[in-house]
Amino acid sequence: MTSERFRGTAAQVRRALDGVYDRLDAGDAVWRCTAGPFRTPVEVVIEDGPIVVVRADVLPCGELDGAAARALAVEHDGLLFGRFRVAGGAVRAEHAIIGGPTMHLQEVRIAAWAVGWAAGAYRPRWERHLAGDVLGGDLPVPRVEPRRGVEDRIASTTDRVGRYLAERHGGFVHDPHWGYHEAFGSARVFVSVRHVLEVSTAVLVAAPVLSGIELTNALALDLADVTEHQTYGRFAYASDRAELWAEHAVLGDDLDPAELDAALGVVAGLADDNDDRLQGLYGGQRYADLTG
């Protein structure tokens, strides 16, 4: 059964990308192509699950150190899909999605575009990070104009997310500004819908981990070590608010309940499993401390 699921998922990946982006020699990967406005080489691999991982190198990098680990958390604060890692001698952009029969072809296509865009758009910032510069200024934004009907798509996806949460989790509280939210242990998970690219939507699942926390080298390396051992999820540090969040985004188009459950599980786990431990080591306040 597992091998059949892997073969079926690999076939879906090829069907999704063939003829959409310029194909490259796949080598050991399932697929390799150039994607995004920077024509970035992007490769797709399948890991246990099966999980489809779309990835692209940003630039060469030595082993992960404190400065690079801090940059990972800081840059995640402005990134929607995926995350950055230091792996294989490079800073890498990557995004993971669930394979198998629930995977939609558009998920693969947008993942390839988003990873290719992130690798190219963030390259200048990473060059400065690795050179030791202090960064400021605006974060990269995809230069893709929304088409008509975006607001209707956002409303439709929001309704669908609310229905899934009610059916599978007993319903979340809905706030017009924060989206849906519910407690998971000492953490609280927020689910919001936003526009992405032309007419697509993204569902961002996020949980505050610590507030009033300084992003030190030790904390940043700890965070990178946690996420290194899982395919999904990232920690994002909002420098202007001194807040640490756990996050993962999925495509809202044809969203499947299993995808939303996976995002909820990984984000709730990152926040609730680590907030007490991180607070004890590095300080700050948990969400439960702020609301209790």
C-alpha atoms as a PDB file:
ATOM      1  CA  MET A   1       0.000   0.000   0.000  1.00  0.00           C
ATOM      2  CA  THR A   2       2.784   2.440   0.905  1.00  0.00           C
ATOM      3  CA  SER A   3       4.618   1.897  -2.386  1.00  0.00           C
ATOM      4  CA  GLU A   4       1.340   2.366  -4.287  1.00  0.00           C
ATOM      5  CA  ARG A   5       0.703   5.646  -2.476  1.00  0.00           C
ATOM      6  CA  PHE A   6       4.220   6.810  -3.324  1.00  0.00           C
ATOM      7  CA  ARG A   7       3.803   5.866  -6.991  1.00  0.00           C
ATOM      8  CA  GLY A   8       0.395   7.549  -7.177  1.00  0.00           C
ATOM      9  CA  THR A   9       1.678  10.717  -5.557  1.00  0.00           C
ATOM     10  CA  ALA A  10       4.728  10.829  -7.856  1.00  0.00           C
ATOM     11  CA  ALA A  11       2.414  10.501 -10.855  1.00  0.00           C
ATOM     12  CA  GLN A  12       0.272  13.376  -9.540  1.00  0.00           C
ATOM     13  CA  VAL A  13       3.360  15.574  -9.134  1.00  0.00           C
ATOM     14  CA  ARG A  14       4.454  14.899 -12.711  1.00  0.00           C
ATOM     15  CA  ARG A  15       0.965  15.550 -14.044  1.00  0.00           C
ATOM     16  CA  ALA A  16       0.741  18.807 -12.094  1.00  0.00           C
ATOM     17  CA  LEU A  17       4.038  20.260 -13.320  1.00  0.00           C
ATOM     18  CA  ASP A  18       4.528  18.790 -16.781  1.00  0.00           C
ATOM     19  CA  GLY A  19       4.081  21.552 -19.348  1.00  0.00           C
ATOM     20  CA  VAL A  20       3.539  24.227 -16.682  1.00  0.00           C
ATOM     21  CA  TYR A  21       7.176  25.028 -15.882  1.00  0.00           C
ATOM     22  CA  ASP A  22      10.366  24.374 -17.843  1.00  0.00           C
ATOM     23  CA  ARG A  23      11.481  20.858 -17.037  1.00  0.00           C
ATOM     24  CA  LEU A  24      15.032  20.008 -15.912  1.00  0.00           C
ATOM     25  CA  ASP A  25      16.802  16.680 -15.469  1.00  0.00           C
ATOM     26  CA  ALA A  26      15.173  15.237 -12.359  1.00  0.00           C
ATOM     27  CA  GLY A  27      18.146  13.204 -11.179  1.00  0.00           C
ATOM     28  CA  ASP A  28      17.175  11.486  -7.912  1.00  0.00           C
ATOM     29  CA  ALA A  29      14.148  13.750  -7.418  1.00  0.00           C
ATOM     30  CA  VAL A  30      10.599  13.054  -8.574  1.00  0.00           C
ATOM     31  CA  TRP A  31      10.594  16.252 -10.642  1.00  0.00           C
ATOM     32  CA  ARG A  32      12.851  19.203 -11.288  1.00  0.00           C
ATOM     33  CA  CYS A  33      12.007  22.402 -13.135  1.00  0.00           C
ATOM     34  CA  THR A  34      12.456  26.169 -13.119  1.00  0.00           C
ATOM     35  CA  ALA A  35       9.604  28.038 -11.451  1.00  0.00           C
ATOM     36  CA  GLY A  36       8.657  31.546 -10.432  1.00  0.00           C
ATOM     37  CA  PRO A  37       9.663  34.938 -11.816  1.00  0.00           C
ATOM     38  CA  PHE A  38      13.351  34.293 -11.065  1.00  0.00           C
ATOM     39  CA  ARG A  39      13.323  30.999 -13.004  1.00  0.00           C
ATOM     40  CA  THR A  40      14.681  29.263  -9.924  1.00  0.00           C
ATOM     41  CA  PRO A  41      15.639  25.579 -10.167  1.00  0.00           C
ATOM     42  CA  VAL A  42      13.082  23.772  -7.998  1.00  0.00           C
ATOM     43  CA  GLU A  43      12.969  20.076  -7.143  1.00  0.00           C
ATOM     44  CA  VAL A  44      10.246  17.884  -5.714  1.00  0.00           C
ATOM     45  CA  VAL A  45      10.884  14.878  -3.478  1.00  0.00           C
ATOM     46  CA  ILE A  46       8.525  12.545  -1.624  1.00  0.00           C
ATOM     47  CA  GLU A  47       9.124  11.671   2.006  1.00  0.00           C
ATOM     48  CA  ASP A  48       7.369   9.309   4.421  1.00  0.00           C
ATOM     49  CA  GLY A  49       3.625   9.857   4.622  1.00  0.00           C
ATOM     50  CA  PRO A  50       3.796  10.375   1.679  1.00  0.00           C
ATOM     51  CA  ILE A  51       4.694  14.024   2.040  1.00  0.00           C
ATOM     52  CA  VAL A  52       5.548  16.085  -1.042  1.00  0.00           C
ATOM     53  CA  VAL A  53       8.426  18.485  -0.340  1.00  0.00           C
ATOM     54  CA  VAL A  54       9.127  21.228  -2.870  1.00  0.00           C
ATOM     55  CA  ARG A  55      12.510  22.883  -2.323  1.00  0.00           C
ATOM     56  CA  ALA A  56      15.049  25.235  -3.879  1.00  0.00           C
ATOM     57  CA  ASP A  57      18.484  26.461  -2.808  1.00  0.00           C
ATOM     58  CA  VAL A  58      18.726  30.177  -2.043  1.00  0.00           C
ATOM     59  CA  LEU A  59      22.513  30.462  -1.798  1.00  0.00           C
ATOM     60  CA  PRO A  60      25.502  28.491  -0.439  1.00  0.00           C
ATOM     61  CA  CYS A  61      25.948  28.531   3.322  1.00  0.00           C
ATOM     62  CA  GLY A  62      28.182  26.860   5.881  1.00  0.00           C
ATOM     63  CA  GLU A  63      26.877  25.028   8.917  1.00  0.00           C
ATOM     64  CA  LEU A  64      24.041  26.621  10.836  1.00  0.00           C
ATOM     65  CA  ASP A  65      25.248  29.148  13.409  1.00  0.00           C
ATOM     66  CA  GLY A  66      23.443  31.548  15.713  1.00  0.00           C
ATOM     67  CA  ALA A  67      23.275  34.415  13.218  1.00  0.00           C
ATOM     68  CA  ALA A  68      21.819  32.205  10.474  1.00  0.00           C
ATOM     69  CA  ALA A  69      19.374  30.628  12.938  1.00  0.00           C
ATOM     70  CA  ARG A  70      18.146  34.088  13.987  1.00  0.00           C
ATOM     71  CA  ALA A  71      17.714  34.999  10.319  1.00  0.00           C
ATOM     72  CA  LEU A  72      15.536  31.913   9.786  1.00  0.00           C
ATOM     73  CA  ALA A  73      13.073  32.982  12.474  1.00  0.00           C
ATOM     74  CA  VAL A  74      13.070  36.650  11.420  1.00  0.00           C
ATOM     75  CA  GLU A  75      12.520  35.971   7.713  1.00  0.00           C
ATOM     76  CA  HIS A  76       9.672  33.560   8.448  1.00  0.00           C
ATOM     77  CA  ASP A  77       7.671  36.476   9.850  1.00  0.00           C
ATOM     78  CA  GLY A  78       7.090  37.804   6.326  1.00  0.00           C
ATOM     79  CA  LEU A  79       6.823  34.488   4.463  1.00  0.00           C
ATOM     80  CA  LEU A  80       3.453  32.906   3.752  1.00  0.00           C
ATOM     81  CA  PHE A  81       4.124  29.450   2.315  1.00  0.00           C
ATOM     82  CA  GLY A  82       6.935  27.220   3.501  1.00  0.00           C
ATOM     83  CA  ARG A  83      10.067  27.934   5.452  1.00  0.00           C
ATOM     84  CA  PHE A  84      13.825  28.373   5.173  1.00  0.00           C
ATOM     85  CA  ARG A  85      16.372  25.801   6.319  1.00  0.00           C
ATOM     86  CA  VAL A  86      20.127  25.461   6.307  1.00  0.00           C
ATOM     87  CA  ALA A  87      20.772  22.039   4.774  1.00  0.00           C
ATOM     88  CA  GLY A  88      23.070  20.444   2.232  1.00  0.00           C
ATOM     89  CA  GLY A  89      25.534  23.329   2.328  1.00  0.00           C
ATOM     90  CA  ALA A  90      22.915  25.940   1.419  1.00  0.00           C
ATOM     91  CA  VAL A  91      20.099  28.085   2.694  1.00  0.00           C
ATOM     92  CA  ARG A  92      17.035  26.357   1.271  1.00  0.00           C
ATOM     93  CA  ALA A  93      13.423  27.411   0.740  1.00  0.00           C
ATOM     94  CA  GLU A  94      10.924  24.551   1.032  1.00  0.00           C
ATOM     95  CA  HIS A  95       7.244  23.812   1.396  1.00  0.00           C
ATOM     96  CA  ALA A  96       5.572  20.506   2.296  1.00  0.00           C
ATOM     97  CA  ILE A  97       2.104  19.289   1.350  1.00  0.00           C
ATOM     98  CA  ILE A  98       0.221  16.045   1.947  1.00  0.00           C
ATOM     99  CA  GLY A  99       0.432  13.620  -0.964  1.00  0.00           C
ATOM    100  CA  GLY A 100      -2.022  10.916  -1.901  1.00  0.00           C
ATOM    101  CA  PRO A 101      -5.587  11.109  -3.224  1.00  0.00           C
ATOM    102  CA  THR A 102      -6.479  14.360  -1.426  1.00  0.00           C
ATOM    103  CA  MET A 103      -3.661  16.339  -3.064  1.00  0.00           C
ATOM    104  CA  HIS A 104      -4.856  18.827  -5.659  1.00  0.00           C
ATOM    105  CA  LEU A 105      -2.717  19.569  -8.716  1.00  0.00           C
ATOM    106  CA  GLN A 106      -2.921  23.288  -7.996  1.00  0.00           C
ATOM    107  CA  GLU A 107      -1.267  22.699  -4.624  1.00  0.00           C
ATOM    108  CA  VAL A 108       1.826  21.366  -6.354  1.00  0.00           C
ATOM    109  CA  ARG A 109       1.916  24.149  -8.942  1.00  0.00           C
ATOM    110  CA  ILE A 110       1.562  26.955  -6.412  1.00  0.00           C
ATOM    111  CA  ALA A 111       4.065  25.303  -4.079  1.00  0.00           C
ATOM    112  CA  ALA A 112       6.615  25.205  -6.908  1.00  0.00           C
ATOM    113  CA  TRP A 113       5.935  28.846  -7.792  1.00  0.00           C
ATOM    114  CA  ALA A 114       6.050  29.994  -4.157  1.00  0.00           C
ATOM    115  CA  VAL A 115       9.290  28.162  -3.377  1.00  0.00           C
ATOM    116  CA  GLY A 116      10.930  29.416  -6.576  1.00  0.00           C
ATOM    117  CA  TRP A 117       9.802  32.952  -5.833  1.00  0.00           C
ATOM    118  CA  ALA A 118      10.973  32.856  -2.199  1.00  0.00           C
ATOM    119  CA  ALA A 119      14.412  31.496  -3.130  1.00  0.00           C
ATOM    120  CA  GLY A 120      14.937  34.311  -5.645  1.00  0.00           C
ATOM    121  CA  ALA A 121      13.225  37.187  -3.845  1.00  0.00           C
ATOM    122  CA  TYR A 122      14.923  36.565  -0.506  1.00  0.00           C
ATOM    123  CA  ARG A 123      18.398  35.899  -1.919  1.00  0.00           C
ATOM    124  CA  PRO A 124      19.600  39.518  -1.485  1.00  0.00           C
ATOM    125  CA  ARG A 125      18.403  39.537   2.112  1.00  0.00           C
ATOM    126  CA  TRP A 126      20.171  36.254   2.835  1.00  0.00           C
ATOM    127  CA  GLU A 127      23.368  37.561   1.270  1.00  0.00           C
ATOM    128  CA  ARG A 128      23.261  40.426   3.740  1.00  0.00           C
ATOM    129  CA  HIS A 129      22.378  38.155   6.662  1.00  0.00           C
ATOM    130  CA  LEU A 130      25.371  35.916   5.985  1.00  0.00           C
ATOM    131  CA  ALA A 131      27.606  38.986   5.605  1.00  0.00           C
ATOM    132  CA  GLY A 132      26.608  40.118   9.087  1.00  0.00           C
ATOM    133  CA  ASP A 133      24.523  43.128   8.036  1.00  0.00           C
ATOM    134  CA  VAL A 134      21.585  44.390  10.093  1.00  0.00           C
ATOM    135  CA  LEU A 135      18.502  44.325   7.889  1.00  0.00           C
ATOM    136  CA  GLY A 136      15.588  46.695   7.694  1.00  0.00           C
ATOM    137  CA  GLY A 137      13.193  47.911   5.053  1.00  0.00           C
ATOM    138  CA  ASP A 138      10.272  46.260   3.334  1.00  0.00           C
ATOM    139  CA  LEU A 139      10.033  42.498   2.927  1.00  0.00           C
ATOM    140  CA  PRO A 140       9.677  40.941  -0.544  1.00  0.00           C
ATOM    141  CA  VAL A 141       6.131  40.765  -1.881  1.00  0.00           C
ATOM    142  CA  PRO A 142       5.032  38.752  -4.949  1.00  0.00           C
ATOM    143  CA  ARG A 143       4.239  41.165  -7.782  1.00  0.00           C
ATOM    144  CA  VAL A 144       1.089  39.372  -8.872  1.00  0.00           C
ATOM    145  CA  GLU A 145      -2.086  41.402  -9.308  1.00  0.00           C
ATOM    146  CA  PRO A 146      -5.271  39.875  -7.849  1.00  0.00           C
ATOM    147  CA  ARG A 147      -8.067  39.128 -10.274  1.00  0.00           C
ATOM    148  CA  ARG A 148     -11.722  39.939  -9.831  1.00  0.00           C
ATOM    149  CA  GLY A 149     -13.599  37.655  -7.462  1.00  0.00           C
ATOM    150  CA  VAL A 150     -10.857  37.390  -4.835  1.00  0.00           C
ATOM    151  CA  GLU A 151     -13.125  38.567  -1.996  1.00  0.00           C
ATOM    152  CA  ASP A 152     -15.700  35.915  -2.914  1.00  0.00           C
ATOM    153  CA  ARG A 153     -13.007  33.242  -2.839  1.00  0.00           C
ATOM    154  CA  ILE A 154     -11.797  34.400   0.565  1.00  0.00           C
ATOM    155  CA  ALA A 155     -15.356  34.294   1.898  1.00  0.00           C
ATOM    156  CA  SER A 156     -15.928  30.833   0.419  1.00  0.00           C
ATOM    157  CA  THR A 157     -12.715  29.437   1.895  1.00  0.00           C
ATOM    158  CA  THR A 158     -13.470  31.032   5.260  1.00  0.00           C
ATOM    159  CA  ASP A 159     -16.897  29.375   5.322  1.00  0.00           C
ATOM    160  CA  ARG A 160     -15.371  26.027   4.387  1.00  0.00           C
ATOM    161  CA  VAL A 161     -12.720  26.304   7.105  1.00  0.00           C
ATOM    162  CA  GLY A 162     -15.399  27.153   9.656  1.00  0.00           C
ATOM    163  CA  ARG A 163     -17.457  24.134   8.608  1.00  0.00           C
ATOM    164  CA  TYR A 164     -14.469  21.778   8.880  1.00  0.00           C
ATOM    165  CA  LEU A 165     -13.562  23.130  12.301  1.00  0.00           C
ATOM    166  CA  ALA A 166     -17.144  22.686  13.507  1.00  0.00           C
ATOM    167  CA  GLU A 167     -17.450  19.157  12.128  1.00  0.00           C
ATOM    168  CA  ARG A 168     -14.077  17.851  13.280  1.00  0.00           C
ATOM    169  CA  HIS A 169     -13.187  19.959  16.318  1.00  0.00           C
ATOM    170  CA  GLY A 170     -16.473  21.183  17.737  1.00  0.00           C
ATOM    171  CA  GLY A 171     -16.073  24.652  16.338  1.00  0.00           C
ATOM    172  CA  PHE A 172     -13.675  27.520  17.011  1.00  0.00           C
ATOM    173  CA  VAL A 173     -14.514  31.027  18.168  1.00  0.00           C
ATOM    174  CA  HIS A 174     -14.591  33.422  15.203  1.00  0.00           C
ATOM    175  CA  ASP A 175     -13.247  36.952  15.355  1.00  0.00           C
ATOM    176  CA  PRO A 176     -13.549  39.285  12.323  1.00  0.00           C
ATOM    177  CA  HIS A 177      -9.940  40.447  12.729  1.00  0.00           C
ATOM    178  CA  TRP A 178      -8.128  37.339  14.001  1.00  0.00           C
ATOM    179  CA  GLY A 179     -10.150  34.618  12.269  1.00  0.00           C
ATOM    180  CA  TYR A 180     -11.020  31.364  14.041  1.00  0.00           C
ATOM    181  CA  HIS A 181      -9.267  30.527  17.301  1.00  0.00           C
ATOM    182  CA  GLU A 182      -9.319  27.915  20.043  1.00  0.00           C
ATOM    183  CA  ALA A 183      -7.197  26.833  23.022  1.00  0.00           C
ATOM    184  CA  PHE A 184      -4.807  23.891  22.769  1.00  0.00           C
ATOM    185  CA  GLY A 185      -3.343  23.310  26.210  1.00  0.00           C
ATOM    186  CA  SER A 186      -1.512  26.468  27.290  1.00  0.00           C
ATOM    187  CA  ALA A 187      -1.436  27.721  23.686  1.00  0.00           C
ATOM    188  CA  ARG A 188      -4.132  29.183  21.426  1.00  0.00           C
ATOM    189  CA  VAL A 189      -4.274  28.433  17.712  1.00  0.00           C
ATOM    190  CA  PHE A 190      -5.552  30.991  15.207  1.00  0.00           C
ATOM    191  CA  VAL A 191      -6.799  30.086  11.720  1.00  0.00           C
ATOM    192  CA  SER A 192      -7.149  32.853   9.139  1.00  0.00           C
ATOM    193  CA  VAL A 193      -7.723  33.025   5.381  1.00  0.00           C
ATOM    194  CA  ARG A 194      -5.945  35.415   3.054  1.00  0.00           C
ATOM    195  CA  HIS A 195      -5.492  36.084  -0.636  1.00  0.00           C
ATOM    196  CA  VAL A 196      -2.450  34.702  -2.462  1.00  0.00           C
ATOM    197  CA  LEU A 197      -1.352  35.223  -6.079  1.00  0.00           C
ATOM    198  CA  GLU A 198      -4.163  35.945  -8.555  1.00  0.00           C
ATOM    199  CA  VAL A 199      -7.306  34.205  -7.346  1.00  0.00           C
ATOM    200  CA  SER A 200      -6.089  31.639  -4.824  1.00  0.00           C
ATOM    201  CA  THR A 201      -6.400  31.631  -1.056  1.00  0.00           C
ATOM    202  CA  ALA A 202      -4.124  30.480   1.735  1.00  0.00           C
ATOM    203  CA  VAL A 203      -5.121  29.220   5.166  1.00  0.00           C
ATOM    204  CA  LEU A 204      -2.596  30.299   7.775  1.00  0.00           C
ATOM    205  CA  VAL A 205      -2.573  28.357  11.039  1.00  0.00           C
ATOM    206  CA  ALA A 206      -0.582  30.206  13.707  1.00  0.00           C
ATOM    207  CA  ALA A 207      -0.096  30.119  17.465  1.00  0.00           C
ATOM    208  CA  PRO A 208       1.709  32.599  19.714  1.00  0.00           C
ATOM    209  CA  VAL A 209       4.440  30.795  21.637  1.00  0.00           C
ATOM    210  CA  LEU A 210       6.114  33.542  23.693  1.00  0.00           C
ATOM    211  CA  SER A 211       5.723  37.310  24.001  1.00  0.00           C
ATOM    212  CA  GLY A 212       8.281  39.804  25.278  1.00  0.00           C
ATOM    213  CA  ILE A 213      11.122  37.489  24.290  1.00  0.00           C
ATOM    214  CA  GLU A 214      14.561  38.393  22.911  1.00  0.00           C
ATOM    215  CA  LEU A 215      15.724  36.310  19.953  1.00  0.00           C
ATOM    216  CA  THR A 216      19.158  35.235  21.148  1.00  0.00           C
ATOM    217  CA  ASN A 217      21.519  32.874  19.328  1.00  0.00           C
ATOM    218  CA  ALA A 218      20.730  30.124  21.824  1.00  0.00           C
ATOM    219  CA  LEU A 219      16.959  30.477  21.382  1.00  0.00           C
ATOM    220  CA  ALA A 220      17.227  30.626  17.584  1.00  0.00           C
ATOM    221  CA  LEU A 221      19.397  27.489  17.444  1.00  0.00           C
ATOM    222  CA  ASP A 222      16.950  25.705  19.758  1.00  0.00           C
ATOM    223  CA  LEU A 223      14.037  26.610  17.458  1.00  0.00           C
ATOM    224  CA  ALA A 224      15.908  25.435  14.364  1.00  0.00           C
ATOM    225  CA  ASP A 225      16.696  22.127  16.060  1.00  0.00           C
ATOM    226  CA  VAL A 226      13.015  21.531  16.879  1.00  0.00           C
ATOM    227  CA  THR A 227      11.778  22.075  13.329  1.00  0.00           C
ATOM    228  CA  GLU A 228      14.729  20.234  11.779  1.00  0.00           C
ATOM    229  CA  HIS A 229      13.149  16.999  12.975  1.00  0.00           C
ATOM    230  CA  GLN A 230       9.780  17.507  11.265  1.00  0.00           C
ATOM    231  CA  THR A 231       8.640  18.215   7.733  1.00  0.00           C
ATOM    232  CA  TYR A 232       5.924  20.744   8.546  1.00  0.00           C
ATOM    233  CA  GLY A 233       5.909  23.942  10.520  1.00  0.00           C
ATOM    234  CA  ARG A 234       8.190  26.818  11.400  1.00  0.00           C
ATOM    235  CA  PHE A 235       8.882  29.338  14.124  1.00  0.00           C
ATOM    236  CA  ALA A 236       8.549  33.015  13.158  1.00  0.00           C
ATOM    237  CA  TYR A 237       9.868  35.922  15.197  1.00  0.00           C
ATOM    238  CA  ALA A 238       8.162  39.328  14.945  1.00  0.00           C
ATOM    239  CA  SER A 239      10.975  41.714  15.841  1.00  0.00           C
ATOM    240  CA  ASP A 240       8.763  44.786  16.156  1.00  0.00           C
ATOM    241  CA  ARG A 241       6.591  43.063  18.792  1.00  0.00           C
ATOM    242  CA  ALA A 242       9.188  40.712  20.345  1.00  0.00           C
ATOM    243  CA  GLU A 243       6.813  37.795  19.726  1.00  0.00           C
ATOM    244  CA  LEU A 244       7.551  34.200  18.775  1.00  0.00           C
ATOM    245  CA  TRP A 245       4.919  32.299  16.750  1.00  0.00           C
ATOM    246  CA  ALA A 246       4.494  28.772  15.393  1.00  0.00           C
ATOM    247  CA  GLU A 247       3.012  28.661  11.883  1.00  0.00           C
ATOM    248  CA  HIS A 248       2.118  26.594   8.838  1.00  0.00           C
ATOM    249  CA  ALA A 249       0.088  27.600   5.776  1.00  0.00           C
ATOM    250  CA  VAL A 250      -1.856  25.427   3.326  1.00  0.00           C
ATOM    251  CA  LEU A 251      -3.528  26.308   0.051  1.00  0.00           C
ATOM    252  CA  GLY A 252      -7.183  27.186   0.536  1.00  0.00           C
ATOM    253  CA  ASP A 253      -8.249  26.130  -2.972  1.00  0.00           C
ATOM    254  CA  ASP A 254     -10.064  22.768  -2.716  1.00  0.00           C
ATOM    255  CA  LEU A 255      -8.906  22.512   0.899  1.00  0.00           C
ATOM    256  CA  ASP A 256      -9.251  19.005   2.309  1.00  0.00           C
ATOM    257  CA  PRO A 257     -10.028  18.423   6.022  1.00  0.00           C
ATOM    258  CA  ALA A 258      -6.917  16.243   6.353  1.00  0.00           C
ATOM    259  CA  GLU A 259      -4.717  19.167   5.283  1.00  0.00           C
ATOM    260  CA  LEU A 260      -6.280  21.477   7.828  1.00  0.00           C
ATOM    261  CA  ASP A 261      -5.961  18.813  10.552  1.00  0.00           C
ATOM    262  CA  ALA A 262      -2.280  18.345   9.738  1.00  0.00           C
ATOM    263  CA  ALA A 263      -1.627  22.078   9.964  1.00  0.00           C
ATOM    264  CA  LEU A 264      -3.542  22.340  13.242  1.00  0.00           C
ATOM    265  CA  GLY A 265      -1.675  19.388  14.686  1.00  0.00           C
ATOM    266  CA  VAL A 266       1.803  20.611  13.848  1.00  0.00           C
ATOM    267  CA  VAL A 267       1.214  24.222  14.936  1.00  0.00           C
ATOM    268  CA  ALA A 268      -0.531  23.259  18.178  1.00  0.00           C
ATOM    269  CA  GLY A 269       2.282  20.803  18.872  1.00  0.00           C
ATOM    270  CA  LEU A 270       5.038  23.335  18.235  1.00  0.00           C
ATOM    271  CA  ALA A 271       3.367  25.871  20.534  1.00  0.00           C
ATOM    272  CA  ASP A 272       1.957  23.740  23.354  1.00  0.00           C
ATOM    273  CA  ASP A 273       4.890  21.302  23.491  1.00  0.00           C
ATOM    274  CA  ASN A 274       7.514  24.040  23.610  1.00  0.00           C
ATOM    275  CA  ASP A 275       6.128  27.166  25.290  1.00  0.00           C
ATOM    276  CA  ASP A 276       6.776  25.970  28.860  1.00  0.00           C
ATOM    277  CA  ARG A 277      10.218  24.634  28.018  1.00  0.00           C
ATOM    278  CA  LEU A 278      11.292  27.713  26.068  1.00  0.00           C
ATOM    279  CA  GLN A 279       9.961  30.057  28.745  1.00  0.00           C
ATOM    280  CA  GLY A 280      11.964  28.245  31.398  1.00  0.00           C
ATOM    281  CA  LEU A 281      15.141  28.549  29.354  1.00  0.00           C
ATOM    282  CA  TYR A 282      14.807  31.970  27.731  1.00  0.00           C
ATOM    283  CA  GLY A 283      12.063  33.911  29.518  1.00  0.00           C
ATOM    284  CA  GLY A 284       9.069  35.668  27.997  1.00  0.00           C
ATOM    285  CA  GLN A 285       5.379  35.050  28.547  1.00  0.00           C
ATOM    286  CA  ARG A 286       3.142  32.302  27.228  1.00  0.00           C
ATOM    287  CA  TYR A 287      -0.275  33.082  25.784  1.00  0.00           C
ATOM    288  CA  ALA A 288      -1.832  31.552  28.915  1.00  0.00           C
ATOM    289  CA  ASP A 289       0.160  33.998  31.067  1.00  0.00           C
ATOM    290  CA  LEU A 290      -1.217  36.972  29.148  1.00  0.00           C
ATOM    291  CA  THR A 291      -4.855  35.875  29.294  1.00  0.00           C
ATOM    292  CA  GLY A 292      -5.007  34.022  32.622  1.00  0.00           C
END
